[in-house]
Amino acid sequence: QFFMLPMAESFHADRSLISASVSIFMITTGVVQFFVGFFIDRFSVRKIMGIGAICISASFLALPHSPNVHIFSVIYGVLGGIGYSCAVGVTTQYFISRWFDTHKGLALAILTNANSAGLLLLSPIWAAAPYYAGWQTAYTILGIFLAAVLLPLLVFGMKHPPNVQGQSVKKSYDWQGFWKVLKQSRLIHILYFGVFTCGFTMGIIDAHLVPMLEDAHVSHINGMMAAFGAFIIIGGLLAGWLSDLLGSRSVMLSILFFIRLISLICLLVPALGIHNSELWYLCFMLLFGLSYTGVIPLTAASISESFQTGLIGSLLGINFFIHQIAGALSVYVGGLFFDMNHNYLLVTVVCLVLVSLSALLELAPIKKNNHVHNEESVEG
């Protein structure tokens, strides 16, 4: 998002067209991770992640040479999306899930918040890079760094999880169990709806937050983005730790969605012109940051704990597919609505509705468990 406006100027394109490249990226990652989820039990996770690192590096090195925005979108969205799908997401979550039996929520939260740590530490660099060095030079440096540092680290420094070798290749897949879960599991339906909501709301913020703040003439954007990154890390780690402590992923997921609901209300206040103050944007960023990364690791932990081992990879793949499709939809819709209405009001209202439903639905498994417990008590 730091490069969006400079790239739009370079290609003489509007925001919806630049946003389309992000949408393509998210669709690609969703589709590819869907298949990665089925493959990780049959092939080495390290090899899949190595292929991903190569693709990401190649895409970053090729992006500066894009002759127009359409070629840029293909390179960034397709090649970069394939690389990201193999290197991050299902592969890393599956890997961590195999390493940790206890404190799994916290471990997955730490993994997920690695991106946020980068945002916190490197926001000033990303903000300055396109204006001082140019976005083309920034991508070139990133591509070289990934090829020279990340790829060797994956090949030589990454160990297999315990006992993974003996179970890494399976002759058959339990398709009957897979379809039964998708059709009959109320829990997976609720989790997937929550992930859709998470992806939709995150997509808007990931692509449009900085332009949104600039349109509102908010001062100290770099400092606010750094604070945003800090609260993302704090919120994600707290969510993972508390879910382990409470022993209930559903309770924590519902809390996260209620926090996100309050954050969107803060964003809606200046959008409606009720009260224009930078404080509302700051409150939005801090609250949204607290709920930003918790949903994905807690959903992954819930899936890995609730369903049989042979289905975890594929269910995680679908999980990421839904998240990315929702994000791709919201990124493009956000840019399109802005070009039409010159504001983000309508898409903010849509986010409010989705988050409200998710906050309530995440409590359904708890009510069901309490009902079953009460029936058992009566029978006893």
Protein backbone atom coordinates (compact mmCIF):
# COMPACT_ATOMS: atom_id res chain seq x y z
CA GLN A 1 0.00 0.00 0.00
CA PHE A 2 3.00 2.33 0.45
CA PHE A 3 3.78 1.93 -3.26
CA MET A 4 0.20 2.29 -4.56
CA LEU A 5 0.11 6.03 -5.28
CA PRO A 6 3.64 6.23 -6.80
CA MET A 7 2.85 3.24 -9.02
CA ALA A 8 -0.45 4.78 -10.08
CA GLU A 9 1.43 7.90 -11.12
CA SER A 10 4.09 5.92 -13.00
CA PHE A 11 1.53 3.94 -14.99
CA HIS A 12 -0.98 6.83 -15.26
CA ALA A 13 -3.62 4.52 -13.80
CA ASP A 14 -6.41 5.04 -11.29
CA ARG A 15 -6.62 3.25 -7.96
CA SER A 16 -9.08 0.60 -9.09
CA LEU A 17 -6.67 -0.52 -11.81
CA ILE A 18 -3.73 -0.69 -9.42
CA SER A 19 -5.97 -2.44 -6.88
CA ALA A 20 -6.72 -5.07 -9.53
CA SER A 21 -3.12 -6.31 -9.29
CA VAL A 22 -3.61 -6.92 -5.57
CA SER A 23 -6.92 -8.67 -6.29
CA ILE A 24 -5.23 -10.94 -8.84
CA PHE A 25 -2.52 -11.69 -6.28
CA MET A 26 -5.06 -12.62 -3.63
CA ILE A 27 -7.10 -14.78 -6.01
CA THR A 28 -3.94 -16.56 -7.18
CA THR A 29 -2.77 -17.21 -3.63
CA GLY A 30 -6.19 -18.49 -2.66
CA VAL A 31 -6.39 -20.92 -5.58
CA VAL A 32 -2.80 -22.14 -5.32
CA GLN A 33 -2.94 -22.56 -1.54
CA PHE A 34 -6.08 -24.62 -2.01
CA PHE A 35 -3.98 -27.19 -3.91
CA VAL A 36 -0.93 -26.74 -1.67
CA GLY A 37 -3.12 -27.86 1.19
CA PHE A 38 -3.66 -31.21 -0.56
CA PHE A 39 0.01 -31.61 -1.52
CA ILE A 40 1.84 -30.88 1.72
CA ASP A 41 1.26 -34.40 3.06
CA ARG A 42 2.81 -35.93 -0.08
CA PHE A 43 5.82 -33.68 -0.65
CA SER A 44 8.51 -32.02 1.45
CA VAL A 45 7.33 -28.76 2.96
CA ARG A 46 10.84 -27.34 2.58
CA LYS A 47 10.83 -28.00 -1.18
CA ILE A 48 7.47 -26.32 -1.63
CA MET A 49 8.64 -23.28 0.36
CA GLY A 50 11.89 -23.16 -1.66
CA ILE A 51 9.93 -23.03 -4.91
CA GLY A 52 7.90 -20.21 -3.40
CA ALA A 53 10.99 -18.19 -2.50
CA ILE A 54 12.32 -18.52 -6.06
CA CYS A 55 9.03 -17.31 -7.57
CA ILE A 56 8.76 -14.34 -5.21
CA SER A 57 12.33 -13.26 -5.90
CA ALA A 58 11.80 -13.57 -9.67
CA SER A 59 8.61 -11.52 -9.53
CA PHE A 60 10.26 -8.71 -7.55
CA LEU A 61 13.16 -8.57 -10.00
CA ALA A 62 10.80 -8.50 -12.99
CA LEU A 63 8.28 -5.93 -11.71
CA PRO A 64 10.46 -2.83 -12.32
CA HIS A 65 10.67 -3.76 -16.02
CA SER A 66 6.89 -3.91 -16.54
CA PRO A 67 6.00 -1.86 -19.65
CA ASN A 68 2.44 -1.16 -18.43
CA VAL A 69 0.09 -1.76 -15.53
CA HIS A 70 -1.42 -4.87 -17.12
CA ILE A 71 1.93 -6.69 -17.34
CA PHE A 72 2.69 -5.48 -13.82
CA SER A 73 -0.58 -7.03 -12.60
CA VAL A 74 0.25 -10.38 -14.23
CA ILE A 75 3.76 -10.53 -12.76
CA TYR A 76 2.74 -9.34 -9.32
CA GLY A 77 -0.58 -11.16 -9.18
CA VAL A 78 0.25 -14.51 -10.80
CA LEU A 79 3.99 -15.17 -10.37
CA GLY A 80 4.18 -13.38 -7.01
CA GLY A 81 0.96 -15.05 -5.91
CA ILE A 82 2.28 -18.53 -6.72
CA GLY A 83 5.47 -17.80 -4.82
CA TYR A 84 3.67 -16.47 -1.78
CA SER A 85 1.29 -19.45 -1.76
CA CYS A 86 4.15 -21.93 -1.65
CA ALA A 87 6.36 -20.04 0.80
CA VAL A 88 3.79 -18.68 3.28
CA GLY A 89 0.38 -19.59 4.61
CA VAL A 90 -0.70 -23.22 4.53
CA THR A 91 2.88 -24.51 4.44
CA THR A 92 4.07 -22.48 7.42
CA GLN A 93 0.91 -23.08 9.48
CA TYR A 94 1.03 -26.81 8.79
CA PHE A 95 4.73 -26.83 9.67
CA ILE A 96 4.18 -25.06 13.00
CA SER A 97 1.15 -27.23 13.82
CA ARG A 98 3.32 -30.32 13.44
CA TRP A 99 6.00 -28.92 15.75
CA PHE A 100 3.73 -27.82 18.62
CA ASP A 101 1.19 -29.90 20.55
CA THR A 102 0.89 -27.45 23.45
CA HIS A 103 0.76 -23.65 23.21
CA LYS A 104 -0.25 -24.07 19.57
CA GLY A 105 -2.33 -20.89 19.55
CA LEU A 106 0.60 -18.78 20.74
CA ALA A 107 3.03 -20.46 18.34
CA LEU A 108 0.75 -19.81 15.35
CA ALA A 109 0.18 -16.24 16.53
CA ILE A 110 3.93 -15.62 16.63
CA LEU A 111 4.21 -16.99 13.10
CA THR A 112 1.37 -14.83 11.80
CA ASN A 113 2.75 -11.70 13.44
CA ALA A 114 6.07 -11.93 11.63
CA ASN A 115 4.49 -9.80 8.86
CA SER A 116 3.37 -7.28 11.42
CA ALA A 117 6.85 -7.08 12.89
CA GLY A 118 8.08 -6.13 9.44
CA LEU A 119 5.44 -3.42 9.22
CA LEU A 120 6.44 -2.05 12.61
CA LEU A 121 10.16 -2.04 11.94
CA LEU A 122 10.22 -1.09 8.27
CA SER A 123 7.28 1.33 7.85
CA PRO A 124 9.55 4.40 7.64
CA ILE A 125 11.65 2.67 4.96
CA TRP A 126 8.64 1.56 2.89
CA ALA A 127 7.12 5.04 3.15
CA ALA A 128 10.31 6.78 2.02
CA ALA A 129 11.55 4.24 -0.55
CA PRO A 130 9.20 5.05 -3.48
CA TYR A 131 9.87 8.79 -3.19
CA TYR A 132 13.63 8.72 -2.62
CA ALA A 133 14.80 5.55 -4.41
CA GLY A 134 11.75 4.79 -6.54
CA TRP A 135 9.45 1.80 -6.24
CA GLN A 136 11.37 0.08 -9.05
CA THR A 137 14.65 0.15 -7.11
CA ALA A 138 12.89 -0.96 -3.93
CA TYR A 139 11.49 -4.08 -5.64
CA THR A 140 14.90 -4.89 -7.17
CA ILE A 141 16.61 -4.75 -3.77
CA LEU A 142 13.91 -6.97 -2.24
CA GLY A 143 14.29 -9.52 -5.03
CA ILE A 144 18.05 -9.75 -4.56
CA PHE A 145 17.68 -10.04 -0.78
CA LEU A 146 15.20 -12.91 -1.03
CA ALA A 147 17.39 -14.84 -3.47
CA ALA A 148 20.57 -14.30 -1.46
CA VAL A 149 19.22 -14.74 2.09
CA LEU A 150 15.80 -16.43 2.30
CA LEU A 151 16.38 -19.23 -0.21
CA PRO A 152 19.63 -20.51 1.36
CA LEU A 153 18.00 -20.28 4.79
CA LEU A 154 15.12 -22.52 3.67
CA VAL A 155 17.46 -25.03 2.01
CA PHE A 156 20.13 -25.31 4.69
CA GLY A 157 18.70 -23.90 7.93
CA MET A 158 15.21 -25.38 8.17
CA LYS A 159 14.61 -28.72 9.92
CA HIS A 160 11.73 -31.12 9.33
CA PRO A 161 9.12 -31.41 12.10
CA PRO A 162 9.40 -34.47 14.39
CA ASN A 163 8.25 -37.75 12.80
CA VAL A 164 7.30 -36.00 9.56
CA GLN A 165 9.40 -38.25 7.33
CA GLY A 166 7.50 -41.43 8.10
CA GLN A 167 4.16 -39.82 7.32
CA SER A 168 5.12 -37.46 4.48
CA VAL A 169 3.74 -39.63 1.64
CA LYS A 170 0.23 -41.02 1.63
CA LYS A 171 -1.11 -43.50 -0.91
CA SER A 172 -4.72 -42.38 -0.67
CA TYR A 173 -6.81 -39.49 0.55
CA ASP A 174 -9.94 -39.73 2.67
CA TRP A 175 -12.30 -38.02 0.23
CA GLN A 176 -15.36 -39.41 2.01
CA GLY A 177 -14.27 -37.87 5.31
CA PHE A 178 -13.37 -34.63 3.57
CA TRP A 179 -16.79 -34.17 1.96
CA LYS A 180 -18.53 -35.21 5.17
CA VAL A 181 -16.77 -32.44 7.08
CA LEU A 182 -17.59 -29.82 4.44
CA LYS A 183 -21.25 -30.81 4.28
CA GLN A 184 -22.08 -31.59 7.89
CA SER A 185 -19.68 -29.76 10.19
CA ARG A 186 -21.32 -26.67 11.65
CA LEU A 187 -17.99 -25.68 13.17
CA ILE A 188 -16.18 -25.56 9.83
CA HIS A 189 -19.00 -23.47 8.32
CA ILE A 190 -18.73 -20.93 11.14
CA LEU A 191 -14.94 -20.85 10.95
CA TYR A 192 -14.99 -20.34 7.19
CA PHE A 193 -17.53 -17.52 7.41
CA GLY A 194 -15.33 -15.83 10.01
CA VAL A 195 -12.33 -16.22 7.73
CA PHE A 196 -14.29 -14.68 4.85
CA THR A 197 -15.13 -11.72 7.07
CA CYS A 198 -11.52 -11.44 8.18
CA GLY A 199 -10.22 -11.52 4.60
CA PHE A 200 -12.76 -8.98 3.38
CA THR A 201 -12.02 -6.44 6.10
CA MET A 202 -8.26 -6.99 5.98
CA GLY A 203 -8.19 -6.61 2.20
CA ILE A 204 -9.65 -3.13 2.44
CA ILE A 205 -7.18 -2.06 5.10
CA ASP A 206 -4.14 -3.68 3.49
CA ALA A 207 -4.66 -1.91 0.16
CA HIS A 208 -6.47 1.30 1.05
CA LEU A 209 -5.52 2.39 4.57
CA VAL A 210 -2.65 4.71 3.59
CA PRO A 211 -4.63 6.32 0.71
CA MET A 212 -7.58 6.66 3.09
CA LEU A 213 -5.44 8.51 5.64
CA GLU A 214 -3.91 10.72 2.94
CA ASP A 215 -7.36 11.63 1.60
CA ALA A 216 -8.38 12.64 5.12
CA HIS A 217 -5.20 14.78 5.39
CA VAL A 218 -4.14 12.91 8.51
CA SER A 219 -0.78 14.06 9.81
CA HIS A 220 2.00 11.76 11.07
CA ILE A 221 0.88 8.83 8.92
CA ASN A 222 4.23 7.08 9.31
CA GLY A 223 3.99 7.19 13.09
CA MET A 224 0.40 5.97 13.04
CA MET A 225 1.33 3.08 10.74
CA ALA A 226 4.16 2.13 13.08
CA ALA A 227 1.71 2.18 16.01
CA PHE A 228 -0.69 0.13 13.92
CA GLY A 229 2.02 -2.47 13.39
CA ALA A 230 2.84 -2.53 17.10
CA PHE A 231 -0.79 -3.13 18.09
CA ILE A 232 -1.09 -5.84 15.43
CA ILE A 233 1.73 -7.71 17.11
CA ILE A 234 0.39 -7.12 20.63
CA GLY A 235 -3.14 -8.16 19.69
CA GLY A 236 -2.07 -11.24 17.78
CA LEU A 237 0.17 -12.54 20.56
CA LEU A 238 -2.42 -11.82 23.24
CA ALA A 239 -5.12 -13.61 21.22
CA GLY A 240 -2.96 -16.71 20.82
CA TRP A 241 -1.90 -16.74 24.47
CA LEU A 242 -5.41 -16.11 25.82
CA SER A 243 -6.96 -18.77 23.60
CA ASP A 244 -4.49 -21.31 25.02
CA LEU A 245 -5.24 -20.07 28.54
CA LEU A 246 -9.03 -20.10 28.13
CA GLY A 247 -9.03 -23.38 26.26
CA SER A 248 -11.61 -21.99 23.83
CA ARG A 249 -10.77 -20.72 20.35
CA SER A 250 -14.41 -19.71 19.75
CA VAL A 251 -14.57 -17.30 22.71
CA MET A 252 -11.40 -15.56 21.60
CA LEU A 253 -12.55 -15.37 17.98
CA SER A 254 -15.81 -13.74 19.04
CA ILE A 255 -13.92 -11.21 21.19
CA LEU A 256 -11.66 -10.35 18.26
CA PHE A 257 -14.62 -9.69 15.97
CA PHE A 258 -16.32 -7.50 18.60
CA ILE A 259 -13.11 -5.44 18.87
CA ARG A 260 -13.01 -5.13 15.08
CA LEU A 261 -16.65 -4.03 15.12
CA ILE A 262 -15.85 -1.18 17.53
CA SER A 263 -12.90 -0.17 15.36
CA LEU A 264 -15.10 0.09 12.26
CA ILE A 265 -17.58 2.24 14.18
CA CYS A 266 -14.69 4.60 14.93
CA LEU A 267 -13.91 4.73 11.21
CA LEU A 268 -17.54 5.35 10.36
CA VAL A 269 -17.80 8.48 12.53
CA PRO A 270 -15.57 10.72 10.36
CA ALA A 271 -16.77 8.98 7.18
CA LEU A 272 -20.33 10.13 7.96
CA GLY A 273 -19.13 13.61 8.88
CA ILE A 274 -20.40 13.28 12.44
CA HIS A 275 -17.11 14.41 13.94
CA ASN A 276 -13.93 14.97 11.97
CA SER A 277 -10.88 14.30 14.10
CA GLU A 278 -7.65 12.38 13.63
CA LEU A 279 -8.39 10.73 16.97
CA TRP A 280 -11.08 8.57 15.33
CA TYR A 281 -8.57 7.27 12.79
CA LEU A 282 -6.06 6.59 15.54
CA CYS A 283 -8.66 4.69 17.60
CA PHE A 284 -9.65 2.73 14.51
CA MET A 285 -6.06 1.75 13.77
CA LEU A 286 -5.28 0.73 17.33
CA LEU A 287 -8.44 -1.36 17.77
CA PHE A 288 -8.31 -2.88 14.30
CA GLY A 289 -4.65 -3.64 14.94
CA LEU A 290 -5.54 -5.58 18.09
CA SER A 291 -7.90 -7.81 16.08
CA TYR A 292 -5.85 -7.92 12.88
CA THR A 293 -3.89 -11.18 13.01
CA GLY A 294 -5.66 -13.22 15.66
CA VAL A 295 -8.40 -14.72 13.50
CA ILE A 296 -6.18 -16.67 11.11
CA PRO A 297 -3.96 -18.50 13.65
CA LEU A 298 -6.89 -19.27 15.96
CA THR A 299 -8.93 -20.64 13.06
CA ALA A 300 -5.94 -22.77 12.00
CA ALA A 301 -5.50 -24.01 15.57
CA SER A 302 -9.19 -24.86 15.80
CA ILE A 303 -9.05 -26.82 12.54
CA SER A 304 -5.91 -28.73 13.55
CA GLU A 305 -7.46 -29.66 16.91
CA SER A 306 -10.99 -30.49 15.74
CA PHE A 307 -10.47 -32.67 12.67
CA GLN A 308 -8.46 -35.76 11.79
CA THR A 309 -4.81 -35.32 10.79
CA GLY A 310 -5.28 -36.49 7.21
CA LEU A 311 -7.71 -33.66 6.48
CA ILE A 312 -5.90 -30.76 8.15
CA GLY A 313 -3.84 -29.72 5.12
CA SER A 314 -6.81 -29.61 2.75
CA LEU A 315 -9.04 -27.82 5.28
CA LEU A 316 -6.31 -25.23 5.86
CA GLY A 317 -5.99 -24.84 2.09
CA ILE A 318 -9.69 -24.07 1.76
CA ASN A 319 -9.36 -21.74 4.73
CA PHE A 320 -6.73 -19.67 2.92
CA PHE A 321 -8.66 -19.86 -0.35
CA ILE A 322 -11.71 -18.27 1.27
CA HIS A 323 -9.61 -15.64 3.02
CA GLN A 324 -7.80 -14.59 -0.14
CA ILE A 325 -10.91 -14.57 -2.34
CA ALA A 326 -12.66 -12.36 0.21
CA GLY A 327 -9.64 -10.06 0.36
CA ALA A 328 -9.38 -9.86 -3.43
CA LEU A 329 -13.05 -8.98 -3.67
CA SER A 330 -12.81 -6.23 -1.07
CA VAL A 331 -9.61 -4.72 -2.50
CA TYR A 332 -11.17 -4.26 -5.93
CA VAL A 333 -14.59 -3.24 -4.61
CA GLY A 334 -12.96 -0.68 -2.32
CA GLY A 335 -11.07 0.90 -5.22
CA LEU A 336 -14.12 0.77 -7.49
CA PHE A 337 -16.43 2.39 -4.93
CA PHE A 338 -13.86 5.09 -4.30
CA ASP A 339 -13.60 5.88 -8.01
CA MET A 340 -17.41 6.05 -8.18
CA ASN A 341 -18.20 7.91 -4.96
CA HIS A 342 -14.81 9.32 -3.89
CA ASN A 343 -15.13 7.77 -0.43
CA TYR A 344 -15.04 4.42 1.39
CA LEU A 345 -18.38 4.80 3.21
CA LEU A 346 -20.35 2.00 1.52
CA VAL A 347 -17.64 -0.63 1.81
CA THR A 348 -17.17 0.31 5.48
CA VAL A 349 -20.87 -0.38 6.11
CA VAL A 350 -20.55 -3.78 4.40
CA CYS A 351 -17.62 -4.57 6.68
CA LEU A 352 -19.67 -3.59 9.72
CA VAL A 353 -22.44 -6.03 8.81
CA LEU A 354 -20.07 -8.93 8.17
CA VAL A 355 -18.11 -8.37 11.37
CA SER A 356 -21.30 -8.14 13.45
CA LEU A 357 -22.54 -11.48 12.10
CA SER A 358 -19.19 -13.17 12.66
CA ALA A 359 -18.95 -11.92 16.26
CA LEU A 360 -22.29 -13.56 17.04
CA LEU A 361 -21.81 -16.75 15.01
CA GLU A 362 -18.49 -17.59 16.68
CA LEU A 363 -20.44 -18.04 19.92
CA ALA A 364 -22.66 -20.76 18.40
CA PRO A 365 -20.27 -23.68 19.09
CA ILE A 366 -20.07 -22.57 22.74
CA LYS A 367 -23.85 -22.56 23.08
CA LYS A 368 -24.04 -26.00 21.49
CA ASN A 369 -21.42 -27.39 23.87
CA ASN A 370 -23.24 -25.88 26.86
CA HIS A 371 -26.52 -27.40 25.65
CA VAL A 372 -24.93 -30.85 25.32
CA HIS A 373 -23.34 -30.46 28.77
CA ASN A 374 -26.70 -29.55 30.33
CA GLU A 375 -28.39 -32.57 28.72
CA GLU A 376 -25.66 -34.85 30.06
CA SER A 377 -26.09 -33.32 33.54
CA VAL A 378 -29.86 -33.98 33.45
CA GLU A 379 -29.35 -37.56 32.33
CA GLY A 380 -26.76 -38.08 35.06
